[in-house]
Amino acid sequence: MALQNRVTPEGDIIATHHRGLFMGNRGGRIHDPETRTLTKRRFVTRRWICCATCFRNRRRVVMGKGYTELFFLDEPTALAAGHRPCFECRRPAATHFQRCWQLSKAWPEKPRADEMDEILHDERLAPPTVMPLSCLPDGTALLLPGSDGARSKGRLSDRIALIRAGHLLPWRAEGYGRALPLPSDQPVTVLTPPSILGALQQGYRPHWHPSAG
């Protein structure tokens, strides 16, 4: 049986046998190591990160006695859920993200990790924003126009898409669906947190799943 450790662009954690390109965590253990199932907690600290699946030949028992390993289809998925690049195992990506964050907010100095985590945590807890499509960069996750936003209705791929190269890519646990044309400019519900949108607008380029083309 698949473990419940795969994160959707909405930040939900689901069970699927499909593998993702990245792993991460939410600051600690949110599972019971005896049953390898999630508790009612969905985070421990504000530090939600997106990590490489291979780093310095380290080996872990998934859902063991340490922190809860979470997995993402790709980096745009992780960013939409509010996870930033890890400064240890993904330092080049993390420092580039840090610089793009600084530019987006016109800060005089690069932000510390704790500063970014505090802001992102507030944004994760806030309702999704509604913005016109014309304002959104590649890598943005949104609810497809016409979706009623009800999590209990339909497949995830019927509701969530990401913007890439002038198209909408329906999100699925196994990979992206066939590209759809961008509709005419209209307000949409955006899942990606505002501060991460700012970093994307300033040139941060996340790593996509091969199914994105």
N, C-alpha and C. Protein backbone atom coordinates (compact mmCIF):
# COMPACT_ATOMS: atom_id res chain seq x y z
N MET A 1 0.84 -1.19 0.00
CA MET A 1 0.00 0.00 0.00
C MET A 1 0.88 1.25 0.00
N ALA A 2 0.51 2.22 -0.82
CA ALA A 2 1.29 3.46 -0.90
C ALA A 2 1.18 4.26 0.38
N LEU A 3 2.28 4.85 0.79
CA LEU A 3 2.28 5.71 1.97
C LEU A 3 1.68 7.07 1.64
N GLN A 4 1.07 7.69 2.64
CA GLN A 4 0.50 9.02 2.46
C GLN A 4 1.59 10.06 2.68
N ASN A 5 2.34 10.34 1.60
CA ASN A 5 3.46 11.28 1.73
C ASN A 5 3.71 12.09 0.47
N ARG A 6 2.75 12.14 -0.42
CA ARG A 6 2.90 12.89 -1.67
C ARG A 6 2.10 14.19 -1.57
N VAL A 7 2.73 15.32 -1.86
CA VAL A 7 2.12 16.63 -1.68
C VAL A 7 1.55 17.14 -3.00
N THR A 8 0.33 17.66 -2.96
CA THR A 8 -0.31 18.25 -4.13
C THR A 8 -0.01 19.75 -4.18
N PRO A 9 -0.30 20.42 -5.29
CA PRO A 9 -0.10 21.87 -5.34
C PRO A 9 -0.92 22.65 -4.32
N GLU A 10 -1.98 22.06 -3.80
CA GLU A 10 -2.78 22.71 -2.76
C GLU A 10 -2.18 22.53 -1.37
N GLY A 11 -1.13 21.71 -1.27
CA GLY A 11 -0.52 21.45 0.03
C GLY A 11 -1.09 20.25 0.74
N ASP A 12 -2.09 19.59 0.15
CA ASP A 12 -2.62 18.37 0.74
C ASP A 12 -1.60 17.25 0.60
N ILE A 13 -1.68 16.25 1.48
CA ILE A 13 -0.77 15.11 1.43
C ILE A 13 -1.60 13.87 1.12
N ILE A 14 -1.29 13.22 0.01
CA ILE A 14 -2.09 12.10 -0.47
C ILE A 14 -1.23 10.84 -0.58
N ALA A 15 -1.89 9.72 -0.78
CA ALA A 15 -1.20 8.44 -1.01
C ALA A 15 -1.27 8.11 -2.50
N THR A 16 -0.13 7.80 -3.10
CA THR A 16 -0.08 7.38 -4.49
C THR A 16 1.18 6.57 -4.70
N HIS A 17 1.12 5.61 -5.62
CA HIS A 17 2.31 4.80 -5.90
C HIS A 17 3.25 5.49 -6.89
N HIS A 18 2.83 6.63 -7.46
CA HIS A 18 3.67 7.35 -8.41
C HIS A 18 4.80 8.07 -7.67
N ARG A 19 6.01 8.03 -8.25
CA ARG A 19 7.17 8.65 -7.62
C ARG A 19 7.31 10.11 -8.07
N GLY A 20 7.93 10.92 -7.24
CA GLY A 20 8.17 12.32 -7.56
C GLY A 20 9.65 12.60 -7.73
N LEU A 21 9.96 13.78 -8.26
CA LEU A 21 11.34 14.17 -8.52
C LEU A 21 12.03 14.77 -7.30
N PHE A 22 11.26 15.28 -6.35
CA PHE A 22 11.83 15.97 -5.19
C PHE A 22 11.21 15.45 -3.91
N MET A 23 11.95 15.59 -2.82
CA MET A 23 11.41 15.30 -1.50
C MET A 23 11.51 16.57 -0.66
N GLY A 24 11.02 16.51 0.57
CA GLY A 24 11.11 17.66 1.46
C GLY A 24 10.52 17.32 2.80
N ASN A 25 10.33 18.35 3.62
CA ASN A 25 9.71 18.12 4.92
C ASN A 25 9.09 19.42 5.43
N ARG A 26 8.41 19.31 6.55
CA ARG A 26 7.75 20.47 7.16
C ARG A 26 8.24 20.66 8.59
N GLY A 27 9.54 20.50 8.75
CA GLY A 27 10.16 20.84 10.02
C GLY A 27 10.20 19.76 11.07
N GLY A 28 9.78 18.54 10.74
CA GLY A 28 9.81 17.50 11.75
C GLY A 28 8.90 16.33 11.41
N ARG A 29 8.52 15.57 12.42
CA ARG A 29 7.73 14.35 12.21
C ARG A 29 6.24 14.62 12.38
N ILE A 30 5.48 14.25 11.38
CA ILE A 30 4.03 14.39 11.42
C ILE A 30 3.37 13.02 11.18
N HIS A 31 4.12 11.96 11.43
CA HIS A 31 3.59 10.61 11.25
C HIS A 31 3.87 9.76 12.49
N ASP A 32 3.18 8.66 12.58
CA ASP A 32 3.41 7.66 13.62
C ASP A 32 4.38 6.64 13.05
N PRO A 33 5.61 6.52 13.58
CA PRO A 33 6.58 5.59 13.01
C PRO A 33 6.20 4.12 13.15
N GLU A 34 5.31 3.82 14.07
CA GLU A 34 4.89 2.43 14.24
C GLU A 34 3.96 1.99 13.12
N THR A 35 3.01 2.85 12.77
CA THR A 35 2.03 2.51 11.72
C THR A 35 2.40 3.10 10.37
N ARG A 36 3.36 4.03 10.36
CA ARG A 36 3.78 4.74 9.14
C ARG A 36 2.59 5.44 8.49
N THR A 37 1.77 6.03 9.33
CA THR A 37 0.63 6.81 8.86
C THR A 37 0.71 8.21 9.46
N LEU A 38 0.09 9.17 8.79
CA LEU A 38 0.12 10.55 9.26
C LEU A 38 -0.73 10.72 10.52
N THR A 39 -0.28 11.61 11.37
CA THR A 39 -1.09 12.05 12.49
C THR A 39 -2.00 13.18 12.01
N LYS A 40 -2.67 13.85 12.92
CA LYS A 40 -3.52 14.98 12.53
C LYS A 40 -2.70 16.22 12.21
N ARG A 41 -1.43 16.25 12.63
CA ARG A 41 -0.58 17.41 12.34
C ARG A 41 -0.21 17.42 10.86
N ARG A 42 -0.02 18.61 10.32
CA ARG A 42 0.43 18.73 8.94
C ARG A 42 1.72 19.54 8.82
N PHE A 43 2.24 20.00 9.95
CA PHE A 43 3.55 20.63 9.97
C PHE A 43 4.02 20.70 11.41
N VAL A 44 5.35 20.89 11.59
CA VAL A 44 5.92 21.04 12.92
C VAL A 44 6.42 22.46 13.13
N THR A 45 7.15 22.98 12.14
CA THR A 45 7.66 24.35 12.21
C THR A 45 7.31 25.08 10.92
N ARG A 46 7.73 26.34 10.84
CA ARG A 46 7.49 27.12 9.63
C ARG A 46 8.42 26.71 8.49
N ARG A 47 9.43 25.94 8.75
CA ARG A 47 10.45 25.61 7.74
C ARG A 47 9.99 24.48 6.84
N TRP A 48 9.32 24.84 5.76
CA TRP A 48 8.88 23.88 4.75
C TRP A 48 9.86 23.97 3.58
N ILE A 49 10.55 22.86 3.30
CA ILE A 49 11.59 22.91 2.28
C ILE A 49 11.38 21.85 1.20
N CYS A 50 12.03 22.08 0.08
CA CYS A 50 12.03 21.16 -1.06
C CYS A 50 13.47 20.71 -1.28
N CYS A 51 13.70 19.41 -1.21
CA CYS A 51 15.05 18.86 -1.21
C CYS A 51 15.30 17.95 -2.41
N ALA A 52 16.58 17.67 -2.66
CA ALA A 52 16.98 16.66 -3.64
C ALA A 52 16.71 15.28 -3.06
N THR A 53 16.39 14.33 -3.92
CA THR A 53 16.16 12.96 -3.44
C THR A 53 17.48 12.22 -3.21
N CYS A 54 18.57 12.70 -3.79
CA CYS A 54 19.89 12.09 -3.59
C CYS A 54 20.86 13.17 -3.13
N PHE A 55 21.56 12.94 -2.03
CA PHE A 55 22.51 13.93 -1.50
C PHE A 55 23.54 13.23 -0.62
N ARG A 56 24.80 13.28 -1.06
CA ARG A 56 25.93 12.73 -0.30
C ARG A 56 25.71 11.29 0.14
N ASN A 57 25.07 10.52 -0.70
CA ASN A 57 24.86 9.09 -0.44
C ASN A 57 24.12 8.81 0.87
N ARG A 58 23.34 9.76 1.32
CA ARG A 58 22.56 9.53 2.54
C ARG A 58 21.41 8.57 2.25
N ARG A 59 21.09 7.75 3.24
CA ARG A 59 19.99 6.80 3.12
C ARG A 59 19.04 6.99 4.30
N ARG A 60 17.75 6.92 4.02
CA ARG A 60 16.75 7.09 5.06
C ARG A 60 15.68 6.01 4.94
N VAL A 61 15.11 5.65 6.06
CA VAL A 61 13.91 4.81 6.07
C VAL A 61 12.71 5.75 6.03
N VAL A 62 11.96 5.69 4.94
CA VAL A 62 10.83 6.61 4.77
C VAL A 62 9.79 6.35 5.85
N MET A 63 9.36 7.43 6.48
CA MET A 63 8.42 7.37 7.60
C MET A 63 8.95 6.48 8.73
N GLY A 64 10.23 6.68 9.02
CA GLY A 64 10.84 5.99 10.14
C GLY A 64 10.73 6.84 11.40
N LYS A 65 11.81 6.87 12.20
CA LYS A 65 11.76 7.58 13.47
C LYS A 65 12.18 9.04 13.38
N GLY A 66 12.61 9.47 12.20
CA GLY A 66 13.00 10.86 12.03
C GLY A 66 11.86 11.71 11.50
N TYR A 67 12.22 12.79 10.78
CA TYR A 67 11.20 13.67 10.22
C TYR A 67 10.42 12.94 9.13
N THR A 68 9.24 13.47 8.81
CA THR A 68 8.40 12.88 7.78
C THR A 68 8.87 13.31 6.41
N GLU A 69 9.30 12.35 5.61
CA GLU A 69 9.72 12.63 4.23
C GLU A 69 8.49 12.82 3.36
N LEU A 70 8.43 13.96 2.70
CA LEU A 70 7.34 14.26 1.77
C LEU A 70 7.91 14.29 0.36
N PHE A 71 7.06 14.05 -0.63
CA PHE A 71 7.53 13.97 -2.01
C PHE A 71 6.64 14.80 -2.92
N PHE A 72 7.26 15.33 -3.98
CA PHE A 72 6.59 16.23 -4.92
C PHE A 72 6.81 15.75 -6.35
N LEU A 73 5.80 15.90 -7.18
CA LEU A 73 5.95 15.59 -8.60
C LEU A 73 7.15 16.31 -9.17
N ASP A 74 7.25 17.61 -8.88
CA ASP A 74 8.36 18.42 -9.37
C ASP A 74 8.45 19.69 -8.52
N GLU A 75 9.36 20.59 -8.89
CA GLU A 75 9.54 21.78 -8.07
C GLU A 75 8.38 22.77 -8.16
N PRO A 76 7.77 23.01 -9.33
CA PRO A 76 6.60 23.89 -9.34
C PRO A 76 5.49 23.42 -8.39
N THR A 77 5.33 22.11 -8.26
CA THR A 77 4.36 21.56 -7.32
C THR A 77 4.74 21.92 -5.89
N ALA A 78 6.02 21.74 -5.55
CA ALA A 78 6.49 22.06 -4.21
C ALA A 78 6.33 23.54 -3.90
N LEU A 79 6.66 24.39 -4.86
CA LEU A 79 6.53 25.83 -4.66
C LEU A 79 5.07 26.22 -4.44
N ALA A 80 4.17 25.62 -5.21
CA ALA A 80 2.74 25.92 -5.05
C ALA A 80 2.25 25.58 -3.66
N ALA A 81 2.80 24.49 -3.10
CA ALA A 81 2.40 24.07 -1.76
C ALA A 81 3.09 24.89 -0.67
N GLY A 82 3.99 25.79 -1.05
CA GLY A 82 4.63 26.67 -0.08
C GLY A 82 5.97 26.19 0.43
N HIS A 83 6.61 25.27 -0.28
CA HIS A 83 7.94 24.79 0.09
C HIS A 83 9.00 25.52 -0.73
N ARG A 84 10.03 26.02 -0.08
CA ARG A 84 11.13 26.71 -0.77
C ARG A 84 12.33 25.76 -0.93
N PRO A 85 13.29 26.08 -1.82
CA PRO A 85 14.47 25.24 -1.98
C PRO A 85 15.32 25.17 -0.71
N CYS A 86 15.89 24.00 -0.47
CA CYS A 86 16.72 23.75 0.71
C CYS A 86 18.12 24.32 0.50
N PHE A 87 18.64 25.00 1.53
CA PHE A 87 19.97 25.59 1.43
C PHE A 87 21.09 24.56 1.62
N GLU A 88 20.77 23.38 2.12
CA GLU A 88 21.83 22.38 2.29
C GLU A 88 22.03 21.54 1.03
N CYS A 89 20.99 20.85 0.60
CA CYS A 89 21.16 19.93 -0.52
C CYS A 89 20.91 20.58 -1.88
N ARG A 90 20.36 21.79 -1.91
CA ARG A 90 20.08 22.47 -3.18
C ARG A 90 20.55 23.92 -3.10
N ARG A 91 21.76 24.12 -2.64
CA ARG A 91 22.25 25.47 -2.39
C ARG A 91 22.20 26.39 -3.62
N PRO A 92 22.66 25.98 -4.82
CA PRO A 92 22.56 26.89 -5.96
C PRO A 92 21.14 27.36 -6.24
N ALA A 93 20.18 26.43 -6.18
CA ALA A 93 18.78 26.80 -6.40
C ALA A 93 18.29 27.71 -5.28
N ALA A 94 18.68 27.39 -4.04
CA ALA A 94 18.22 28.18 -2.89
C ALA A 94 18.76 29.60 -2.92
N THR A 95 20.04 29.77 -3.29
CA THR A 95 20.60 31.12 -3.34
C THR A 95 20.01 31.92 -4.49
N HIS A 96 19.70 31.25 -5.61
CA HIS A 96 19.04 31.95 -6.71
C HIS A 96 17.63 32.36 -6.31
N PHE A 97 16.91 31.47 -5.65
CA PHE A 97 15.58 31.80 -5.15
C PHE A 97 15.64 32.97 -4.18
N GLN A 98 16.62 32.94 -3.30
CA GLN A 98 16.82 34.01 -2.32
C GLN A 98 17.02 35.36 -3.00
N ARG A 99 17.84 35.36 -4.05
CA ARG A 99 18.11 36.59 -4.78
C ARG A 99 16.85 37.08 -5.51
N CYS A 100 16.09 36.17 -6.10
CA CYS A 100 14.85 36.56 -6.80
C CYS A 100 13.82 37.08 -5.81
N TRP A 101 13.77 36.49 -4.64
CA TRP A 101 12.89 36.98 -3.57
C TRP A 101 13.27 38.42 -3.21
N GLN A 102 14.56 38.65 -3.01
CA GLN A 102 15.04 39.99 -2.67
C GLN A 102 14.64 41.01 -3.73
N LEU A 103 14.83 40.67 -5.00
CA LEU A 103 14.47 41.58 -6.08
C LEU A 103 12.97 41.86 -6.11
N SER A 104 12.18 40.83 -5.87
CA SER A 104 10.73 41.00 -5.96
C SER A 104 10.20 41.93 -4.89
N LYS A 105 10.87 41.98 -3.75
CA LYS A 105 10.41 42.81 -2.64
C LYS A 105 11.24 44.09 -2.49
N ALA A 106 12.24 44.24 -3.36
CA ALA A 106 13.12 45.43 -3.33
C ALA A 106 13.76 45.60 -1.95
N TRP A 107 14.18 44.50 -1.36
CA TRP A 107 14.87 44.56 -0.08
C TRP A 107 16.33 44.93 -0.29
N PRO A 108 16.95 45.69 0.61
CA PRO A 108 18.35 46.08 0.44
C PRO A 108 19.32 44.92 0.64
N GLU A 109 18.91 43.89 1.37
CA GLU A 109 19.77 42.74 1.61
C GLU A 109 19.02 41.45 1.31
N LYS A 110 19.77 40.38 1.07
CA LYS A 110 19.14 39.09 0.84
C LYS A 110 18.41 38.63 2.11
N PRO A 111 17.25 38.02 1.95
CA PRO A 111 16.50 37.58 3.13
C PRO A 111 17.16 36.36 3.78
N ARG A 112 17.06 36.28 5.08
CA ARG A 112 17.47 35.07 5.78
C ARG A 112 16.40 34.00 5.61
N ALA A 113 16.79 32.76 5.77
CA ALA A 113 15.84 31.66 5.62
C ALA A 113 14.66 31.83 6.57
N ASP A 114 14.94 32.22 7.80
CA ASP A 114 13.86 32.39 8.77
C ASP A 114 12.88 33.49 8.36
N GLU A 115 13.40 34.54 7.72
CA GLU A 115 12.52 35.62 7.27
C GLU A 115 11.58 35.12 6.18
N MET A 116 12.12 34.36 5.23
CA MET A 116 11.28 33.82 4.17
C MET A 116 10.26 32.84 4.74
N ASP A 117 10.70 32.00 5.67
CA ASP A 117 9.80 31.00 6.24
C ASP A 117 8.64 31.65 7.00
N GLU A 118 8.92 32.72 7.70
CA GLU A 118 7.86 33.39 8.46
C GLU A 118 6.81 33.98 7.53
N ILE A 119 7.27 34.63 6.47
CA ILE A 119 6.32 35.22 5.51
C ILE A 119 5.54 34.13 4.79
N LEU A 120 6.24 33.09 4.34
CA LEU A 120 5.56 32.01 3.63
C LEU A 120 4.53 31.31 4.51
N HIS A 121 4.84 31.17 5.79
CA HIS A 121 3.89 30.49 6.65
C HIS A 121 2.58 31.28 6.75
N ASP A 122 2.68 32.59 6.88
CA ASP A 122 1.48 33.42 6.91
C ASP A 122 0.70 33.28 5.60
N GLU A 123 1.43 33.23 4.49
CA GLU A 123 0.76 33.12 3.19
C GLU A 123 0.11 31.75 3.01
N ARG A 124 0.73 30.71 3.53
CA ARG A 124 0.14 29.37 3.43
C ARG A 124 -1.16 29.28 4.20
N LEU A 125 -1.25 29.98 5.31
CA LEU A 125 -2.45 29.93 6.14
C LEU A 125 -3.57 30.84 5.63
N ALA A 126 -3.23 31.77 4.76
CA ALA A 126 -4.21 32.70 4.22
C ALA A 126 -5.00 32.04 3.08
N PRO A 127 -6.20 32.53 2.79
CA PRO A 127 -6.96 32.01 1.64
C PRO A 127 -6.20 32.24 0.35
N PRO A 128 -6.41 31.40 -0.67
CA PRO A 128 -5.77 31.62 -1.97
C PRO A 128 -6.15 32.99 -2.54
N THR A 129 -5.22 33.56 -3.28
CA THR A 129 -5.47 34.86 -3.89
C THR A 129 -6.17 34.70 -5.23
N VAL A 130 -6.86 35.73 -5.66
CA VAL A 130 -7.49 35.75 -6.98
C VAL A 130 -6.79 36.84 -7.79
N MET A 131 -6.26 36.47 -8.95
CA MET A 131 -5.49 37.40 -9.77
C MET A 131 -5.83 37.18 -11.24
N PRO A 132 -5.64 38.19 -12.08
CA PRO A 132 -5.84 37.99 -13.52
C PRO A 132 -4.72 37.15 -14.11
N LEU A 133 -5.04 36.33 -15.09
CA LEU A 133 -4.06 35.45 -15.71
C LEU A 133 -2.86 36.21 -16.26
N SER A 134 -3.07 37.42 -16.74
CA SER A 134 -1.99 38.19 -17.35
C SER A 134 -0.89 38.53 -16.37
N CYS A 135 -1.16 38.46 -15.07
CA CYS A 135 -0.17 38.80 -14.04
C CYS A 135 0.67 37.62 -13.61
N LEU A 136 0.39 36.43 -14.13
CA LEU A 136 0.97 35.22 -13.57
C LEU A 136 2.12 34.68 -14.41
N PRO A 137 3.25 34.34 -13.78
CA PRO A 137 4.41 33.82 -14.51
C PRO A 137 4.34 32.31 -14.70
N ASP A 138 5.23 31.79 -15.54
CA ASP A 138 5.38 30.35 -15.67
C ASP A 138 5.69 29.74 -14.31
N GLY A 139 5.10 28.57 -14.05
CA GLY A 139 5.30 27.90 -12.78
C GLY A 139 4.19 28.14 -11.78
N THR A 140 3.24 29.03 -12.11
CA THR A 140 2.12 29.32 -11.21
C THR A 140 1.11 28.17 -11.24
N ALA A 141 0.66 27.76 -10.07
CA ALA A 141 -0.41 26.77 -9.97
C ALA A 141 -1.73 27.49 -9.68
N LEU A 142 -2.79 27.03 -10.31
CA LEU A 142 -4.10 27.66 -10.14
C LEU A 142 -5.21 26.64 -10.26
N LEU A 143 -6.39 27.05 -9.81
CA LEU A 143 -7.57 26.24 -10.07
C LEU A 143 -8.06 26.55 -11.47
N LEU A 144 -8.35 25.51 -12.22
CA LEU A 144 -8.80 25.71 -13.59
C LEU A 144 -10.06 26.56 -13.63
N PRO A 145 -10.14 27.49 -14.58
CA PRO A 145 -11.35 28.30 -14.72
C PRO A 145 -12.58 27.40 -14.84
N GLY A 146 -13.62 27.74 -14.09
CA GLY A 146 -14.83 26.93 -14.08
C GLY A 146 -14.87 25.94 -12.96
N SER A 147 -13.72 25.70 -12.27
CA SER A 147 -13.73 24.79 -11.13
C SER A 147 -14.45 25.45 -9.98
N ASP A 148 -15.23 24.66 -9.24
CA ASP A 148 -15.94 25.22 -8.09
C ASP A 148 -15.07 25.24 -6.84
N GLY A 149 -13.85 24.68 -6.96
CA GLY A 149 -12.92 24.72 -5.84
C GLY A 149 -13.21 23.69 -4.77
N ALA A 150 -14.20 22.84 -4.95
CA ALA A 150 -14.54 21.85 -3.93
C ALA A 150 -13.57 20.69 -4.02
N ARG A 151 -12.83 20.44 -2.96
CA ARG A 151 -11.81 19.40 -2.98
C ARG A 151 -12.42 18.02 -3.09
N SER A 152 -13.66 17.86 -2.71
CA SER A 152 -14.27 16.54 -2.69
C SER A 152 -14.84 16.13 -4.05
N LYS A 153 -14.81 17.02 -5.01
CA LYS A 153 -15.47 16.72 -6.28
C LYS A 153 -14.43 16.52 -7.39
N GLY A 154 -14.55 15.39 -8.07
CA GLY A 154 -13.74 15.18 -9.26
C GLY A 154 -12.29 14.83 -8.96
N ARG A 155 -11.56 14.48 -10.01
CA ARG A 155 -10.15 14.21 -9.89
C ARG A 155 -9.38 15.50 -9.68
N LEU A 156 -8.20 15.37 -9.06
CA LEU A 156 -7.36 16.55 -8.89
C LEU A 156 -7.06 17.18 -10.24
N SER A 157 -6.83 16.34 -11.26
CA SER A 157 -6.47 16.86 -12.58
C SER A 157 -7.61 17.63 -13.23
N ASP A 158 -8.83 17.48 -12.69
CA ASP A 158 -9.95 18.25 -13.22
C ASP A 158 -9.98 19.67 -12.65
N ARG A 159 -9.12 19.93 -11.68
CA ARG A 159 -9.22 21.18 -10.94
C ARG A 159 -7.97 22.04 -10.99
N ILE A 160 -6.79 21.42 -11.03
CA ILE A 160 -5.54 22.14 -10.85
C ILE A 160 -4.72 22.12 -12.14
N ALA A 161 -4.13 23.26 -12.47
CA ALA A 161 -3.23 23.34 -13.62
C ALA A 161 -2.10 24.31 -13.30
N LEU A 162 -1.02 24.18 -14.05
CA LEU A 162 0.12 25.09 -13.91
C LEU A 162 0.39 25.76 -15.24
N ILE A 163 0.88 26.99 -15.18
CA ILE A 163 1.17 27.75 -16.39
C ILE A 163 2.57 27.42 -16.86
N ARG A 164 2.70 27.13 -18.14
CA ARG A 164 4.01 26.90 -18.75
C ARG A 164 3.96 27.25 -20.22
N ALA A 165 4.82 28.19 -20.62
CA ALA A 165 5.00 28.55 -22.02
C ALA A 165 3.69 28.86 -22.73
N GLY A 166 2.84 29.66 -22.08
CA GLY A 166 1.60 30.08 -22.71
C GLY A 166 0.49 29.06 -22.72
N HIS A 167 0.62 28.00 -21.94
CA HIS A 167 -0.41 26.97 -21.86
C HIS A 167 -0.71 26.63 -20.40
N LEU A 168 -1.81 25.91 -20.21
CA LEU A 168 -2.14 25.35 -18.91
C LEU A 168 -1.88 23.85 -18.95
N LEU A 169 -1.15 23.36 -17.96
CA LEU A 169 -0.87 21.93 -17.86
C LEU A 169 -1.67 21.35 -16.70
N PRO A 170 -2.66 20.50 -16.97
CA PRO A 170 -3.41 19.88 -15.88
C PRO A 170 -2.48 19.04 -15.00
N TRP A 171 -2.58 19.21 -13.69
CA TRP A 171 -1.71 18.48 -12.76
C TRP A 171 -2.31 17.13 -12.41
N ARG A 172 -1.46 16.11 -12.43
CA ARG A 172 -1.85 14.77 -11.99
C ARG A 172 -0.71 14.19 -11.18
N ALA A 173 -1.01 13.26 -10.31
CA ALA A 173 0.03 12.67 -9.47
C ALA A 173 1.10 11.98 -10.30
N GLU A 174 0.73 11.42 -11.43
CA GLU A 174 1.69 10.72 -12.27
C GLU A 174 2.41 11.62 -13.26
N GLY A 175 1.94 12.84 -13.44
CA GLY A 175 2.54 13.76 -14.40
C GLY A 175 1.47 14.66 -14.99
N TYR A 176 1.90 15.59 -15.84
CA TYR A 176 0.97 16.57 -16.38
C TYR A 176 0.17 16.00 -17.55
N GLY A 177 -1.07 16.48 -17.66
CA GLY A 177 -1.91 16.12 -18.78
C GLY A 177 -1.59 16.95 -20.01
N ARG A 178 -2.35 16.73 -21.05
CA ARG A 178 -2.13 17.44 -22.31
C ARG A 178 -2.34 18.94 -22.12
N ALA A 179 -1.45 19.72 -22.71
CA ALA A 179 -1.50 21.18 -22.56
C ALA A 179 -2.81 21.73 -23.10
N LEU A 180 -3.35 22.69 -22.36
CA LEU A 180 -4.57 23.39 -22.76
C LEU A 180 -4.23 24.83 -23.10
N PRO A 181 -4.95 25.44 -24.04
CA PRO A 181 -4.68 26.85 -24.33
C PRO A 181 -5.06 27.72 -23.15
N LEU A 182 -4.31 28.79 -22.95
CA LEU A 182 -4.68 29.74 -21.90
C LEU A 182 -5.98 30.42 -22.29
N PRO A 183 -6.95 30.48 -21.40
CA PRO A 183 -8.18 31.20 -21.72
C PRO A 183 -7.92 32.70 -21.78
N SER A 184 -8.91 33.43 -22.25
CA SER A 184 -8.77 34.88 -22.25
C SER A 184 -8.54 35.37 -20.84
N ASP A 185 -7.86 36.50 -20.74
CA ASP A 185 -7.48 37.02 -19.43
C ASP A 185 -8.70 37.16 -18.53
N GLN A 186 -8.61 36.54 -17.36
CA GLN A 186 -9.71 36.56 -16.42
C GLN A 186 -9.16 36.28 -15.03
N PRO A 187 -9.90 36.63 -13.99
CA PRO A 187 -9.43 36.32 -12.63
C PRO A 187 -9.46 34.81 -12.39
N VAL A 188 -8.42 34.30 -11.76
CA VAL A 188 -8.36 32.89 -11.40
C VAL A 188 -7.88 32.75 -9.95
N THR A 189 -8.19 31.64 -9.34
CA THR A 189 -7.74 31.35 -7.98
C THR A 189 -6.33 30.79 -8.04
N VAL A 190 -5.39 31.48 -7.43
CA VAL A 190 -3.98 31.13 -7.50
C VAL A 190 -3.59 30.36 -6.24
N LEU A 191 -2.93 29.22 -6.43
CA LEU A 191 -2.48 28.40 -5.31
C LEU A 191 -1.08 28.76 -4.86
N THR A 192 -0.22 29.14 -5.77
CA THR A 192 1.17 29.48 -5.42
C THR A 192 1.19 30.72 -4.53
N PRO A 193 1.88 30.67 -3.39
CA PRO A 193 1.91 31.83 -2.48
C PRO A 193 2.47 33.08 -3.14
N PRO A 194 1.98 34.26 -2.74
CA PRO A 194 2.38 35.52 -3.38
C PRO A 194 3.90 35.75 -3.41
N SER A 195 4.60 35.44 -2.33
CA SER A 195 6.04 35.69 -2.31
C SER A 195 6.79 34.79 -3.29
N ILE A 196 6.30 33.57 -3.47
CA ILE A 196 6.91 32.68 -4.45
C ILE A 196 6.57 33.15 -5.86
N LEU A 197 5.37 33.67 -6.07
CA LEU A 197 5.04 34.28 -7.36
C LEU A 197 6.03 35.39 -7.68
N GLY A 198 6.36 36.20 -6.67
CA GLY A 198 7.31 37.29 -6.88
C GLY A 198 8.66 36.78 -7.32
N ALA A 199 9.13 35.68 -6.72
CA ALA A 199 10.42 35.11 -7.11
C ALA A 199 10.36 34.57 -8.54
N LEU A 200 9.26 33.94 -8.91
CA LEU A 200 9.10 33.46 -10.28
C LEU A 200 9.10 34.62 -11.27
N GLN A 201 8.44 35.70 -10.91
CA GLN A 201 8.39 36.87 -11.79
C GLN A 201 9.76 37.51 -11.97
N GLN A 202 10.64 37.32 -10.99
CA GLN A 202 11.99 37.89 -11.06
C GLN A 202 13.01 36.93 -11.66
N GLY A 203 12.54 35.82 -12.21
CA GLY A 203 13.44 34.97 -12.97
C GLY A 203 13.79 33.64 -12.36
N TYR A 204 13.19 33.26 -11.22
CA TYR A 204 13.49 31.94 -10.70
C TYR A 204 12.83 30.90 -11.61
N ARG A 205 13.62 29.91 -12.03
CA ARG A 205 13.15 28.89 -12.96
C ARG A 205 13.16 27.53 -12.28
N PRO A 206 12.00 27.04 -11.88
CA PRO A 206 11.94 25.75 -11.18
C PRO A 206 12.16 24.58 -12.13
N HIS A 207 12.48 23.45 -11.54
CA HIS A 207 12.73 22.21 -12.30
C HIS A 207 11.41 21.48 -12.50
N TRP A 208 11.05 21.26 -13.77
CA TRP A 208 9.77 20.65 -14.12
C TRP A 208 9.90 19.14 -14.31
N HIS A 209 8.79 18.44 -14.14
CA HIS A 209 8.68 17.03 -14.46
C HIS A 209 8.76 16.87 -15.98
N PRO A 210 9.38 15.78 -16.47
CA PRO A 210 9.50 15.60 -17.93
C PRO A 210 8.17 15.65 -18.67
N SER A 211 7.08 15.28 -18.03
CA SER A 211 5.78 15.31 -18.69
C SER A 211 5.31 16.71 -19.06
N ALA A 212 5.99 17.73 -18.48
CA ALA A 212 5.63 19.12 -18.80
C ALA A 212 6.13 19.52 -20.18
N GLY A 213 7.00 18.71 -20.78
CA GLY A 213 7.49 19.00 -22.12
C GLY A 213 8.70 19.91 -22.15
